[in-house]
N, C-alpha and C. Protein backbone atom coordinates (compact mmCIF):
# COMPACT_ATOMS: atom_id res chain seq x y z
N MET A 1 0.83 -1.22 -0.02
CA MET A 1 0.08 -0.02 -0.01
C MET A 1 0.91 1.22 -0.02
N ASN A 2 0.35 2.30 -0.52
CA ASN A 2 1.00 3.58 -0.67
C ASN A 2 0.80 4.41 0.58
N ASN A 3 1.95 4.78 1.28
CA ASN A 3 1.83 5.61 2.50
C ASN A 3 1.24 6.99 2.20
N SER A 4 1.33 7.43 0.96
CA SER A 4 0.77 8.81 0.64
C SER A 4 -0.65 8.81 0.25
N ASN A 5 -1.32 7.58 0.29
CA ASN A 5 -2.72 7.46 0.03
C ASN A 5 -3.42 6.81 1.18
N PRO A 6 -3.76 7.60 2.19
CA PRO A 6 -4.35 7.02 3.41
C PRO A 6 -5.68 6.29 3.20
N GLN A 7 -6.45 6.61 2.20
CA GLN A 7 -7.64 5.89 1.95
C GLN A 7 -7.42 4.42 1.68
N GLU A 8 -6.31 4.09 1.07
CA GLU A 8 -5.99 2.68 0.85
C GLU A 8 -5.97 1.86 2.14
N PHE A 9 -5.39 2.46 3.19
CA PHE A 9 -5.34 1.75 4.47
C PHE A 9 -6.73 1.34 4.98
N LEU A 10 -7.61 2.37 4.91
CA LEU A 10 -9.00 2.17 5.39
C LEU A 10 -9.69 1.13 4.51
N ASP A 11 -9.49 1.27 3.18
CA ASP A 11 -10.13 0.36 2.20
C ASP A 11 -9.64 -1.10 2.38
N HIS A 12 -8.46 -1.28 2.94
CA HIS A 12 -7.90 -2.61 3.14
C HIS A 12 -7.76 -2.93 4.61
N ALA A 13 -8.83 -2.67 5.36
CA ALA A 13 -8.89 -2.87 6.77
C ALA A 13 -10.18 -3.57 7.19
N ASP A 14 -10.14 -4.24 8.27
CA ASP A 14 -11.32 -4.87 8.93
C ASP A 14 -11.64 -4.11 10.20
N ILE A 15 -12.93 -3.90 10.38
CA ILE A 15 -13.34 -3.26 11.67
C ILE A 15 -13.27 -4.30 12.73
N LEU A 16 -12.61 -3.99 13.90
CA LEU A 16 -12.55 -4.90 15.02
C LEU A 16 -13.51 -4.51 16.11
N HIS A 17 -13.61 -3.17 16.40
CA HIS A 17 -14.53 -2.70 17.44
C HIS A 17 -15.21 -1.45 16.90
N SER A 18 -16.52 -1.44 16.87
CA SER A 18 -17.35 -0.31 16.35
C SER A 18 -17.18 0.88 17.27
N ALA A 19 -17.60 2.03 16.84
CA ALA A 19 -17.56 3.24 17.63
C ALA A 19 -18.44 3.03 18.96
N GLU A 20 -19.55 2.33 18.76
CA GLU A 20 -20.40 1.95 19.91
C GLU A 20 -19.69 1.18 21.00
N ALA A 21 -18.95 0.14 20.49
CA ALA A 21 -18.15 -0.68 21.39
C ALA A 21 -17.09 0.13 22.08
N VAL A 22 -16.43 1.00 21.34
CA VAL A 22 -15.41 1.85 21.97
C VAL A 22 -16.02 2.76 23.06
N ASN A 23 -17.13 3.36 22.70
CA ASN A 23 -17.81 4.25 23.71
C ASN A 23 -18.24 3.45 25.02
N ALA A 24 -18.74 2.24 24.79
CA ALA A 24 -19.18 1.46 25.95
C ALA A 24 -17.97 1.06 26.72
N ALA A 25 -16.82 0.78 26.13
CA ALA A 25 -15.62 0.38 26.85
C ALA A 25 -15.12 1.61 27.67
N ILE A 26 -15.19 2.79 27.08
CA ILE A 26 -14.75 3.98 27.81
C ILE A 26 -15.66 4.27 28.95
N ASP A 27 -16.92 4.11 28.85
CA ASP A 27 -17.86 4.25 29.90
C ASP A 27 -17.55 3.35 31.09
N ALA A 28 -17.26 2.09 30.72
CA ALA A 28 -16.95 1.06 31.77
C ALA A 28 -15.63 1.37 32.45
N LEU A 29 -14.62 1.88 31.65
CA LEU A 29 -13.39 2.21 32.25
C LEU A 29 -13.51 3.39 33.20
N ALA A 30 -14.36 4.37 32.83
CA ALA A 30 -14.61 5.52 33.69
C ALA A 30 -15.16 5.11 35.02
N GLN A 31 -16.06 4.18 35.00
CA GLN A 31 -16.67 3.67 36.21
C GLN A 31 -15.66 2.98 37.08
N GLN A 32 -14.88 2.11 36.47
CA GLN A 32 -13.83 1.38 37.21
C GLN A 32 -12.74 2.31 37.81
N ILE A 33 -12.31 3.25 37.00
CA ILE A 33 -11.24 4.21 37.48
C ILE A 33 -11.77 5.07 38.54
N THR A 34 -13.02 5.53 38.41
CA THR A 34 -13.58 6.41 39.44
C THR A 34 -13.72 5.63 40.75
N ALA A 35 -14.18 4.41 40.68
CA ALA A 35 -14.26 3.63 41.95
C ALA A 35 -12.93 3.42 42.59
N SER A 36 -11.87 3.22 41.78
CA SER A 36 -10.60 2.96 42.30
C SER A 36 -9.84 4.19 42.75
N LEU A 37 -9.96 5.36 42.09
CA LEU A 37 -9.06 6.48 42.33
C LEU A 37 -9.83 7.73 42.86
N ARG A 38 -11.08 7.64 43.20
CA ARG A 38 -11.86 8.79 43.57
C ARG A 38 -11.21 9.53 44.77
N GLU A 39 -10.61 8.85 45.69
CA GLU A 39 -9.98 9.39 46.86
C GLU A 39 -8.56 9.83 46.67
N ALA A 40 -7.94 9.46 45.59
CA ALA A 40 -6.49 9.65 45.38
C ALA A 40 -6.11 11.07 44.85
N THR A 41 -7.02 11.78 44.27
CA THR A 41 -6.74 13.06 43.65
C THR A 41 -5.47 12.94 42.77
N PRO A 42 -5.58 12.06 41.76
CA PRO A 42 -4.40 11.73 40.99
C PRO A 42 -3.98 12.79 40.01
N LEU A 43 -2.71 12.62 39.49
CA LEU A 43 -2.26 13.33 38.32
C LEU A 43 -2.45 12.45 37.16
N VAL A 44 -3.30 12.81 36.26
CA VAL A 44 -3.64 12.03 35.08
C VAL A 44 -2.74 12.47 33.98
N MET A 45 -1.98 11.50 33.35
CA MET A 45 -1.04 11.87 32.29
C MET A 45 -1.37 11.16 31.03
N CYS A 46 -1.62 11.92 30.01
CA CYS A 46 -1.89 11.37 28.65
C CYS A 46 -0.57 11.09 27.98
N VAL A 47 -0.47 9.89 27.45
CA VAL A 47 0.77 9.58 26.59
C VAL A 47 0.42 9.98 25.17
N MET A 48 1.05 11.13 24.78
CA MET A 48 0.83 11.71 23.49
C MET A 48 1.62 10.97 22.43
N GLY A 49 1.17 11.02 21.13
CA GLY A 49 -0.04 11.56 20.73
C GLY A 49 -1.19 10.59 20.65
N GLY A 50 -0.85 9.27 20.76
CA GLY A 50 -1.92 8.28 20.60
C GLY A 50 -3.07 8.33 21.58
N ALA A 51 -2.80 8.69 22.85
CA ALA A 51 -3.84 8.65 23.83
C ALA A 51 -4.69 9.88 23.89
N VAL A 52 -4.46 10.82 23.00
CA VAL A 52 -5.26 12.12 23.03
C VAL A 52 -6.72 11.90 22.85
N VAL A 53 -7.04 11.05 21.94
CA VAL A 53 -8.50 10.73 21.62
C VAL A 53 -9.11 10.03 22.85
N PHE A 54 -8.50 9.03 23.35
CA PHE A 54 -8.96 8.29 24.51
C PHE A 54 -9.10 9.18 25.71
N SER A 55 -8.04 9.97 25.99
CA SER A 55 -8.03 10.91 27.07
C SER A 55 -9.20 11.91 27.03
N GLY A 56 -9.38 12.49 25.78
CA GLY A 56 -10.41 13.41 25.61
C GLY A 56 -11.82 12.92 25.81
N GLN A 57 -12.03 11.60 25.64
CA GLN A 57 -13.29 10.94 25.81
C GLN A 57 -13.47 10.50 27.26
N LEU A 58 -12.38 10.01 27.86
CA LEU A 58 -12.47 9.56 29.26
C LEU A 58 -12.52 10.62 30.29
N LEU A 59 -11.74 11.66 30.16
CA LEU A 59 -11.60 12.67 31.23
C LEU A 59 -12.99 13.22 31.75
N PRO A 60 -13.83 13.63 30.82
CA PRO A 60 -15.15 14.20 31.29
C PRO A 60 -16.00 13.18 32.04
N LYS A 61 -15.71 11.91 31.99
CA LYS A 61 -16.47 10.90 32.64
C LYS A 61 -15.90 10.44 33.99
N LEU A 62 -14.72 11.01 34.30
CA LEU A 62 -14.10 10.72 35.66
C LEU A 62 -14.71 11.69 36.64
N ASN A 63 -15.37 11.12 37.69
CA ASN A 63 -16.13 11.90 38.64
C ASN A 63 -15.39 12.11 39.95
N PHE A 64 -14.19 12.74 39.79
CA PHE A 64 -13.41 13.05 41.00
C PHE A 64 -12.37 14.21 40.55
N PRO A 65 -11.82 14.89 41.56
CA PRO A 65 -10.90 15.89 41.26
C PRO A 65 -9.50 15.24 40.78
N LEU A 66 -8.97 15.90 39.75
CA LEU A 66 -7.71 15.39 39.24
C LEU A 66 -6.92 16.54 38.62
N GLU A 67 -5.65 16.37 38.49
CA GLU A 67 -4.83 17.28 37.66
C GLU A 67 -4.47 16.60 36.38
N PHE A 68 -4.16 17.34 35.37
CA PHE A 68 -3.85 16.73 34.04
C PHE A 68 -2.50 17.17 33.55
N ASP A 69 -1.81 16.36 32.86
CA ASP A 69 -0.51 16.66 32.27
C ASP A 69 -0.28 15.65 31.11
N TYR A 70 0.85 15.70 30.53
CA TYR A 70 1.09 14.75 29.45
C TYR A 70 2.54 14.41 29.38
N VAL A 71 2.89 13.32 28.75
CA VAL A 71 4.24 12.89 28.38
C VAL A 71 4.24 12.50 26.93
N GLN A 72 5.38 12.50 26.34
CA GLN A 72 5.48 12.08 24.94
C GLN A 72 6.72 11.34 24.66
N ALA A 73 6.54 10.03 24.44
CA ALA A 73 7.63 9.14 24.13
C ALA A 73 7.10 8.15 23.02
N SER A 74 7.97 7.82 22.13
CA SER A 74 7.43 6.95 21.04
C SER A 74 8.59 6.01 20.61
N ARG A 75 8.09 4.86 20.17
CA ARG A 75 8.95 3.88 19.55
C ARG A 75 8.62 3.69 18.03
N TYR A 76 7.53 4.26 17.59
CA TYR A 76 7.01 3.94 16.24
C TYR A 76 7.37 4.95 15.19
N HIS A 77 7.46 6.22 15.54
CA HIS A 77 7.95 7.20 14.51
C HIS A 77 7.22 7.11 13.18
N ASN A 78 5.89 7.01 13.22
CA ASN A 78 5.02 6.90 12.07
C ASN A 78 5.34 5.66 11.22
N GLN A 79 5.80 4.59 11.85
CA GLN A 79 6.05 3.33 11.19
C GLN A 79 5.18 2.26 11.81
N THR A 80 5.12 1.04 11.34
CA THR A 80 4.28 0.02 11.91
C THR A 80 5.04 -0.94 12.77
N GLU A 81 6.38 -0.76 12.97
CA GLU A 81 7.16 -1.55 13.90
C GLU A 81 7.88 -0.66 14.83
N GLY A 82 7.98 -1.05 16.12
CA GLY A 82 8.72 -0.29 17.13
C GLY A 82 10.19 -0.26 16.90
N GLN A 83 10.75 0.93 17.21
CA GLN A 83 12.18 1.11 17.11
C GLN A 83 12.72 1.53 18.47
N HIS A 84 13.72 2.41 18.48
CA HIS A 84 14.26 2.96 19.76
C HIS A 84 13.31 4.01 20.36
N LEU A 85 13.32 4.08 21.68
CA LEU A 85 12.47 5.04 22.31
C LEU A 85 13.01 6.43 22.24
N VAL A 86 12.19 7.37 21.87
CA VAL A 86 12.54 8.78 21.79
C VAL A 86 11.66 9.57 22.63
N TRP A 87 12.21 10.32 23.63
CA TRP A 87 11.49 11.17 24.59
C TRP A 87 11.28 12.50 23.93
N LYS A 88 10.09 13.07 23.87
CA LYS A 88 9.84 14.45 23.44
C LYS A 88 9.48 15.27 24.67
N VAL A 89 8.69 14.68 25.51
CA VAL A 89 8.28 15.36 26.75
C VAL A 89 8.37 14.35 27.94
N GLU A 90 9.24 14.55 28.85
CA GLU A 90 9.43 13.62 29.97
C GLU A 90 8.52 14.05 31.10
N PRO A 91 8.26 13.18 32.05
CA PRO A 91 7.40 13.49 33.24
C PRO A 91 8.14 14.63 34.01
N ARG A 92 7.38 15.53 34.55
CA ARG A 92 8.01 16.68 35.28
C ARG A 92 7.98 16.41 36.80
N GLU A 93 8.46 17.34 37.48
CA GLU A 93 8.57 17.22 39.00
C GLU A 93 7.16 17.22 39.64
N ASN A 94 6.08 17.49 38.86
CA ASN A 94 4.76 17.47 39.49
C ASN A 94 4.23 16.04 39.83
N VAL A 95 5.02 15.03 39.40
CA VAL A 95 4.67 13.62 39.73
C VAL A 95 5.11 13.30 41.16
N ALA A 96 6.04 14.02 41.77
CA ALA A 96 6.53 13.65 43.08
C ALA A 96 5.49 13.56 44.12
N GLY A 97 5.45 12.45 44.85
CA GLY A 97 4.52 12.24 45.90
C GLY A 97 3.07 11.87 45.48
N ARG A 98 2.82 11.78 44.19
CA ARG A 98 1.47 11.67 43.66
C ARG A 98 1.13 10.26 43.20
N THR A 99 -0.12 9.94 43.15
CA THR A 99 -0.62 8.82 42.42
C THR A 99 -0.78 9.31 40.92
N VAL A 100 -0.11 8.61 40.03
CA VAL A 100 -0.14 8.98 38.59
C VAL A 100 -0.95 7.96 37.85
N LEU A 101 -1.95 8.43 37.08
CA LEU A 101 -2.74 7.58 36.18
C LEU A 101 -2.22 7.86 34.79
N LEU A 102 -1.55 6.86 34.18
CA LEU A 102 -1.14 7.02 32.76
C LEU A 102 -2.25 6.53 31.88
N LEU A 103 -2.59 7.33 30.88
CA LEU A 103 -3.56 6.95 29.84
C LEU A 103 -2.87 6.75 28.57
N ASP A 104 -3.01 5.55 27.95
CA ASP A 104 -2.43 5.29 26.67
C ASP A 104 -3.39 4.62 25.76
N ASP A 105 -3.15 4.75 24.49
CA ASP A 105 -4.07 4.17 23.48
C ASP A 105 -4.04 2.61 23.45
N ILE A 106 -2.81 2.09 23.54
CA ILE A 106 -2.67 0.60 23.33
C ILE A 106 -1.47 0.12 24.20
N LEU A 107 -1.75 -1.05 24.78
CA LEU A 107 -0.64 -1.80 25.34
C LEU A 107 -0.27 -2.92 24.39
N ASP A 108 0.84 -2.69 23.66
CA ASP A 108 1.31 -3.60 22.65
C ASP A 108 2.45 -4.46 23.26
N GLU A 109 3.67 -4.21 22.96
CA GLU A 109 4.78 -4.89 23.56
C GLU A 109 5.03 -4.44 24.99
N GLY A 110 4.69 -3.12 25.28
CA GLY A 110 4.82 -2.61 26.62
C GLY A 110 6.07 -1.82 26.94
N HIS A 111 6.97 -1.76 26.00
CA HIS A 111 8.30 -1.13 26.28
C HIS A 111 8.16 0.36 26.52
N THR A 112 7.27 1.02 25.86
CA THR A 112 7.12 2.46 26.03
C THR A 112 6.47 2.73 27.45
N LEU A 113 5.46 2.00 27.73
CA LEU A 113 4.82 2.16 29.09
C LEU A 113 5.78 1.80 30.24
N VAL A 114 6.62 0.88 30.12
CA VAL A 114 7.56 0.49 31.12
C VAL A 114 8.46 1.75 31.33
N ALA A 115 8.99 2.26 30.25
CA ALA A 115 9.89 3.44 30.35
C ALA A 115 9.28 4.59 31.00
N ILE A 116 7.98 4.88 30.69
CA ILE A 116 7.23 6.01 31.27
C ILE A 116 6.99 5.79 32.70
N LYS A 117 6.60 4.59 33.08
CA LYS A 117 6.26 4.27 34.47
C LYS A 117 7.61 4.39 35.27
N GLU A 118 8.66 3.86 34.78
CA GLU A 118 9.92 3.96 35.49
C GLU A 118 10.43 5.39 35.66
N LYS A 119 10.15 6.21 34.65
CA LYS A 119 10.60 7.62 34.75
C LYS A 119 9.74 8.33 35.75
N CYS A 120 8.44 8.06 35.84
CA CYS A 120 7.54 8.66 36.87
C CYS A 120 8.04 8.25 38.23
N LEU A 121 8.32 7.00 38.45
CA LEU A 121 8.74 6.53 39.79
C LEU A 121 10.09 7.16 40.13
N ALA A 122 11.00 7.31 39.15
CA ALA A 122 12.25 7.94 39.41
C ALA A 122 12.13 9.41 39.79
N GLN A 123 11.04 10.06 39.27
CA GLN A 123 10.75 11.43 39.60
C GLN A 123 10.01 11.58 40.97
N GLY A 124 9.77 10.38 41.61
CA GLY A 124 9.12 10.46 42.98
C GLY A 124 7.70 10.12 43.06
N ALA A 125 7.03 9.68 41.91
CA ALA A 125 5.63 9.27 42.08
C ALA A 125 5.54 8.19 43.07
N LYS A 126 4.45 8.23 43.91
CA LYS A 126 4.24 7.22 44.93
C LYS A 126 3.63 5.97 44.37
N ASN A 127 2.87 6.16 43.29
CA ASN A 127 2.18 5.01 42.63
C ASN A 127 1.88 5.43 41.19
N VAL A 128 2.01 4.49 40.32
CA VAL A 128 1.67 4.70 38.90
C VAL A 128 0.63 3.63 38.51
N VAL A 129 -0.48 4.03 38.05
CA VAL A 129 -1.59 3.21 37.58
C VAL A 129 -1.73 3.44 36.13
N ILE A 130 -2.03 2.36 35.38
CA ILE A 130 -2.08 2.45 33.95
C ILE A 130 -3.49 1.99 33.40
N ALA A 131 -4.05 2.91 32.49
CA ALA A 131 -5.27 2.58 31.80
C ALA A 131 -5.02 2.63 30.32
N VAL A 132 -5.49 1.67 29.56
CA VAL A 132 -5.31 1.69 28.17
C VAL A 132 -6.64 1.37 27.53
N LEU A 133 -6.86 1.99 26.40
CA LEU A 133 -8.11 1.72 25.62
C LEU A 133 -8.10 0.35 25.12
N VAL A 134 -6.90 -0.16 24.61
CA VAL A 134 -6.77 -1.39 23.92
C VAL A 134 -5.56 -2.16 24.37
N GLU A 135 -5.71 -3.47 24.65
CA GLU A 135 -4.56 -4.33 24.85
C GLU A 135 -4.45 -5.31 23.75
N LYS A 136 -3.29 -5.44 23.15
CA LYS A 136 -3.04 -6.39 22.11
C LYS A 136 -2.63 -7.70 22.76
N GLN A 137 -3.28 -8.76 22.36
CA GLN A 137 -3.01 -10.11 22.87
C GLN A 137 -1.76 -10.69 22.10
N LEU A 138 -0.79 -10.97 22.82
CA LEU A 138 0.49 -11.50 22.16
C LEU A 138 0.67 -12.94 22.70
N ASP A 139 1.52 -13.65 22.05
CA ASP A 139 1.83 -15.05 22.42
C ASP A 139 3.02 -15.14 23.33
N HIS A 140 3.42 -14.02 23.92
CA HIS A 140 4.56 -14.01 24.86
C HIS A 140 4.28 -12.98 26.00
N ALA A 141 4.99 -13.15 27.07
CA ALA A 141 4.75 -12.25 28.20
C ALA A 141 5.24 -10.83 27.88
N LYS A 142 4.60 -9.82 28.58
CA LYS A 142 4.91 -8.43 28.33
C LYS A 142 5.59 -8.00 29.62
N PRO A 143 6.44 -6.95 29.59
CA PRO A 143 7.17 -6.48 30.78
C PRO A 143 6.31 -5.64 31.77
N ILE A 144 5.04 -5.43 31.38
CA ILE A 144 4.17 -4.52 32.18
C ILE A 144 2.74 -4.98 31.86
N SER A 145 1.82 -4.65 32.84
CA SER A 145 0.43 -4.89 32.57
C SER A 145 -0.34 -3.66 32.93
N ALA A 146 -1.53 -3.52 32.33
CA ALA A 146 -2.36 -2.36 32.60
C ALA A 146 -3.31 -2.71 33.76
N ASP A 147 -3.61 -1.70 34.58
CA ASP A 147 -4.56 -1.86 35.64
C ASP A 147 -5.96 -1.83 35.18
N PHE A 148 -6.19 -1.09 34.07
CA PHE A 148 -7.54 -0.95 33.50
C PHE A 148 -7.39 -1.12 31.97
N VAL A 149 -8.26 -2.02 31.38
CA VAL A 149 -8.17 -2.27 29.93
C VAL A 149 -9.59 -2.22 29.39
N GLY A 150 -9.74 -1.39 28.36
CA GLY A 150 -11.03 -1.22 27.75
C GLY A 150 -11.44 -2.37 26.78
N LEU A 151 -10.55 -2.66 25.83
CA LEU A 151 -10.86 -3.65 24.79
C LEU A 151 -9.62 -4.44 24.52
N SER A 152 -9.83 -5.65 23.97
CA SER A 152 -8.66 -6.49 23.57
C SER A 152 -8.74 -6.67 22.05
N VAL A 153 -7.53 -6.86 21.45
CA VAL A 153 -7.44 -7.16 20.01
C VAL A 153 -6.42 -8.25 19.85
N ALA A 154 -6.56 -9.02 18.80
CA ALA A 154 -5.58 -10.04 18.46
C ALA A 154 -4.37 -9.35 17.91
N ASN A 155 -3.28 -10.08 17.62
CA ASN A 155 -1.99 -9.53 17.28
C ASN A 155 -2.05 -9.08 15.75
N HIS A 156 -2.70 -7.98 15.56
CA HIS A 156 -2.76 -7.31 14.21
C HIS A 156 -2.31 -5.88 14.41
N TYR A 157 -1.93 -5.23 13.28
CA TYR A 157 -1.66 -3.78 13.36
C TYR A 157 -2.98 -3.07 13.34
N VAL A 158 -3.26 -2.34 14.40
CA VAL A 158 -4.57 -1.64 14.54
C VAL A 158 -4.49 -0.17 14.45
N PHE A 159 -5.51 0.48 14.06
CA PHE A 159 -5.60 1.95 14.01
C PHE A 159 -6.97 2.44 14.26
N GLY A 160 -7.07 3.74 14.49
CA GLY A 160 -8.35 4.41 14.93
C GLY A 160 -8.35 4.68 16.34
N CYS A 161 -9.14 5.55 16.79
CA CYS A 161 -9.29 5.96 18.24
C CYS A 161 -7.89 6.40 18.82
N GLY A 162 -7.20 7.14 18.08
CA GLY A 162 -5.87 7.64 18.48
C GLY A 162 -4.71 6.90 17.94
N MET A 163 -4.88 5.68 17.60
CA MET A 163 -3.85 4.80 17.02
C MET A 163 -3.75 5.10 15.49
N ASP A 164 -2.53 5.20 15.00
CA ASP A 164 -2.37 5.59 13.62
C ASP A 164 -1.74 4.47 12.77
N VAL A 165 -1.89 4.66 11.49
CA VAL A 165 -1.16 3.78 10.54
C VAL A 165 -0.38 4.74 9.66
N TYR A 166 0.92 4.72 9.80
CA TYR A 166 1.80 5.67 9.12
C TYR A 166 1.44 7.13 9.33
N GLY A 167 0.97 7.49 10.51
CA GLY A 167 0.56 8.84 10.82
C GLY A 167 -0.91 9.17 10.48
N TRP A 168 -1.57 8.28 9.81
CA TRP A 168 -2.91 8.57 9.39
C TRP A 168 -3.98 7.92 10.32
N TRP A 169 -5.24 8.39 10.25
CA TRP A 169 -6.41 7.79 10.82
C TRP A 169 -6.57 7.67 12.31
N ARG A 170 -5.84 8.53 13.06
CA ARG A 170 -6.07 8.59 14.50
C ARG A 170 -7.46 9.04 14.84
N ASN A 171 -8.10 9.76 13.90
CA ASN A 171 -9.41 10.36 14.13
C ASN A 171 -10.61 9.43 13.93
N LEU A 172 -10.41 8.26 13.52
CA LEU A 172 -11.50 7.30 13.41
C LEU A 172 -12.19 6.96 14.72
N PRO A 173 -13.47 6.88 14.76
CA PRO A 173 -14.10 6.53 16.02
C PRO A 173 -14.20 5.09 16.35
N ALA A 174 -13.82 4.21 15.46
CA ALA A 174 -13.77 2.77 15.57
C ALA A 174 -12.36 2.27 15.49
N ILE A 175 -12.16 0.98 15.80
CA ILE A 175 -10.82 0.41 15.74
C ILE A 175 -10.76 -0.60 14.57
N TYR A 176 -9.76 -0.43 13.77
CA TYR A 176 -9.56 -1.25 12.53
C TYR A 176 -8.27 -2.00 12.59
N ALA A 177 -8.14 -3.09 11.82
CA ALA A 177 -6.92 -3.84 11.65
C ALA A 177 -6.55 -3.87 10.21
N LEU A 178 -5.32 -3.68 9.90
CA LEU A 178 -4.89 -3.92 8.56
C LEU A 178 -5.04 -5.30 8.12
N LYS A 179 -5.55 -5.60 6.89
CA LYS A 179 -5.64 -6.94 6.46
C LYS A 179 -4.27 -7.41 6.07
N SER A 180 -4.05 -8.71 6.35
CA SER A 180 -2.81 -9.33 6.09
C SER A 180 -2.63 -9.37 4.54
N THR A 181 -1.37 -9.09 4.08
CA THR A 181 -1.05 -9.08 2.71
C THR A 181 -0.42 -10.41 2.30
N ASP A 182 -0.50 -11.42 3.11
CA ASP A 182 0.11 -12.71 2.84
C ASP A 182 -0.59 -13.38 1.77
């Protein structure tokens, strides 16, 4: 497929979770997170840029006081395979002594989330809790697990709801998988 023609990606994709299923998962996550963190007054940190859509939908549904910030680290660099981790915005000193809720679009291999969690703890966070919209089911162990998971997907390259394919289609309200070209 041609990276300069984003419509091809959508035309050659299968829908995995409809917009309705995504919304229902976010509603359920909001209830679970509220029950767990309502007394913690957490610092909620969006992992940019993928979690911006998820964060924007989840935050208004959290029924407790919170502060908001973001971090930005990536291994994908608009590609479909992870590479080395690049920090654009690291956790700041406002994590010290706080319960931090990290929001990310997907828990795939887990390397980026491990690095972010470790950096928050090194900056003095007392606790780091992770919520992801999607967890990819892999056939091997991951170095980290999420405390809250909205939806699961098989081991396919997925996009939509903040996840991209070569930088495109983060804005889709549903979750899609690229069809195998085998």
